[in-house]
């Protein structure tokens, strides 16, 4: 299972398409965390963690950090 941090502004589709993003990136579930850019270690292993701001640093257990806009483009190409 992959650990992914998905970031983007409010109302950009992060939660709406969360299940599709999980399938796309191979995550086992969604963790919609109230996490700031200084708290990336809170990203749950194997989960897609949704946040509003890009983390300032990325812990080793995170496989990918992706913006919601990039993720939406990837979903579109998978369809």
C-alpha atoms as a PDB file:
ATOM      1  CA  UNK A   1       0.000   0.000   0.000  1.00  0.00           C
ATOM      2  CA  UNK A   2       1.178   3.497  -0.845  1.00  0.00           C
ATOM      3  CA  UNK A   3       1.229   6.496   1.490  1.00  0.00           C
ATOM      4  CA  UNK A   4       0.214   9.647  -0.367  1.00  0.00           C
ATOM      5  CA  UNK A   5      -0.361  13.239   0.729  1.00  0.00           C
ATOM      6  CA  UNK A   6      -2.868  15.051  -1.492  1.00  0.00           C
ATOM      7  CA  UNK A   7      -2.997  18.818  -1.098  1.00  0.00           C
ATOM      8  CA  UNK A   8      -5.077  21.619  -2.528  1.00  0.00           C
ATOM      9  CA  UNK A   9      -7.348  24.510  -1.653  1.00  0.00           C
ATOM     10  CA  UNK A  10     -10.770  24.176  -0.117  1.00  0.00           C
ATOM     11  CA  UNK A  11     -13.515  23.088  -2.554  1.00  0.00           C
ATOM     12  CA  UNK A  12     -11.024  21.817  -5.167  1.00  0.00           C
ATOM     13  CA  UNK A  13     -12.300  18.207  -5.292  1.00  0.00           C
ATOM     14  CA  UNK A  14      -9.951  16.519  -2.813  1.00  0.00           C
ATOM     15  CA  UNK A  15     -12.677  14.872  -0.742  1.00  0.00           C
ATOM     16  CA  UNK A  16     -15.166  14.512  -3.587  1.00  0.00           C
ATOM     17  CA  UNK A  17     -12.763  12.321  -5.600  1.00  0.00           C
ATOM     18  CA  UNK A  18     -10.905  10.783  -2.639  1.00  0.00           C
ATOM     19  CA  UNK A  19     -12.005   7.198  -3.355  1.00  0.00           C
ATOM     20  CA  UNK A  20     -10.921   7.484  -6.982  1.00  0.00           C
ATOM     21  CA  UNK A  21      -7.549   8.905  -5.877  1.00  0.00           C
ATOM     22  CA  UNK A  22      -7.114   5.952  -3.491  1.00  0.00           C
ATOM     23  CA  UNK A  23      -7.588   3.506  -6.339  1.00  0.00           C
ATOM     24  CA  UNK A  24      -5.312   5.530  -8.626  1.00  0.00           C
ATOM     25  CA  UNK A  25      -2.445   5.624  -6.128  1.00  0.00           C
ATOM     26  CA  UNK A  26      -2.920   2.254  -4.437  1.00  0.00           C
ATOM     27  CA  UNK A  27      -3.937   3.482  -0.991  1.00  0.00           C
ATOM     28  CA  UNK A  28      -6.121   1.450   1.357  1.00  0.00           C
ATOM     29  CA  UNK A  29      -8.248   4.352   2.554  1.00  0.00           C
ATOM     30  CA  UNK A  30      -8.627   8.073   3.127  1.00  0.00           C
ATOM     31  CA  UNK A  31      -7.400  10.081   6.099  1.00  0.00           C
ATOM     32  CA  UNK A  32      -8.883  13.575   5.925  1.00  0.00           C
ATOM     33  CA  UNK A  33      -6.605  15.202   8.474  1.00  0.00           C
ATOM     34  CA  UNK A  34      -6.550  18.658   9.985  1.00  0.00           C
ATOM     35  CA  UNK A  35      -2.838  18.809   9.405  1.00  0.00           C
ATOM     36  CA  UNK A  36      -0.725  21.853   8.644  1.00  0.00           C
ATOM     37  CA  UNK A  37       2.301  22.040   6.341  1.00  0.00           C
ATOM     38  CA  UNK A  38       4.594  21.433   9.331  1.00  0.00           C
ATOM     39  CA  UNK A  39       2.913  18.140  10.354  1.00  0.00           C
ATOM     40  CA  UNK A  40       3.548  15.691   7.470  1.00  0.00           C
ATOM     41  CA  UNK A  41       4.654  12.952   9.874  1.00  0.00           C
ATOM     42  CA  UNK A  42       0.967  12.578  10.759  1.00  0.00           C
ATOM     43  CA  UNK A  43       0.332  11.076   7.317  1.00  0.00           C
ATOM     44  CA  UNK A  44      -1.057   7.592   7.978  1.00  0.00           C
ATOM     45  CA  UNK A  45       0.882   4.735   6.434  1.00  0.00           C
ATOM     46  CA  UNK A  46      -0.946   3.189   3.501  1.00  0.00           C
ATOM     47  CA  UNK A  47      -3.525   5.964   3.340  1.00  0.00           C
ATOM     48  CA  UNK A  48      -4.292   8.944   1.151  1.00  0.00           C
ATOM     49  CA  UNK A  49      -3.986  11.900   3.529  1.00  0.00           C
ATOM     50  CA  UNK A  50      -5.874  15.017   2.455  1.00  0.00           C
ATOM     51  CA  UNK A  51      -4.549  18.445   3.445  1.00  0.00           C
ATOM     52  CA  UNK A  52      -4.960  22.024   2.253  1.00  0.00           C
ATOM     53  CA  UNK A  53      -1.293  23.052   2.042  1.00  0.00           C
ATOM     54  CA  UNK A  54       1.764  21.338   0.590  1.00  0.00           C
ATOM     55  CA  UNK A  55       3.939  19.971   3.424  1.00  0.00           C
ATOM     56  CA  UNK A  56       7.213  21.796   3.992  1.00  0.00           C
ATOM     57  CA  UNK A  57       9.041  18.490   4.492  1.00  0.00           C
ATOM     58  CA  UNK A  58       8.145  14.914   3.660  1.00  0.00           C
ATOM     59  CA  UNK A  59       8.894  11.960   5.949  1.00  0.00           C
ATOM     60  CA  UNK A  60      10.405   8.788   4.515  1.00  0.00           C
ATOM     61  CA  UNK A  61       7.214   6.769   4.868  1.00  0.00           C
ATOM     62  CA  UNK A  62       5.385   9.026   2.375  1.00  0.00           C
ATOM     63  CA  UNK A  63       5.618   7.676  -1.174  1.00  0.00           C
ATOM     64  CA  UNK A  64       4.219  10.709  -2.947  1.00  0.00           C
ATOM     65  CA  UNK A  65       3.013  14.277  -2.423  1.00  0.00           C
ATOM     66  CA  UNK A  66       0.630  15.416  -5.150  1.00  0.00           C
ATOM     67  CA  UNK A  67      -1.541  18.470  -5.795  1.00  0.00           C
ATOM     68  CA  UNK A  68      -5.224  17.872  -6.362  1.00  0.00           C
ATOM     69  CA  UNK A  69      -4.937  19.476  -9.789  1.00  0.00           C
ATOM     70  CA  UNK A  70      -2.213  17.048 -10.883  1.00  0.00           C
ATOM     71  CA  UNK A  71      -4.225  14.140  -9.435  1.00  0.00           C
ATOM     72  CA  UNK A  72      -7.359  15.206 -11.346  1.00  0.00           C
ATOM     73  CA  UNK A  73      -5.353  15.251 -14.599  1.00  0.00           C
ATOM     74  CA  UNK A  74      -4.087  11.737 -13.847  1.00  0.00           C
ATOM     75  CA  UNK A  75      -7.642  10.541 -13.178  1.00  0.00           C
ATOM     76  CA  UNK A  76      -8.770  12.005 -16.469  1.00  0.00           C
ATOM     77  CA  UNK A  77      -6.074  10.141 -18.399  1.00  0.00           C
ATOM     78  CA  UNK A  78      -7.031   6.858 -16.643  1.00  0.00           C
ATOM     79  CA  UNK A  79     -10.673   7.171 -17.742  1.00  0.00           C
END
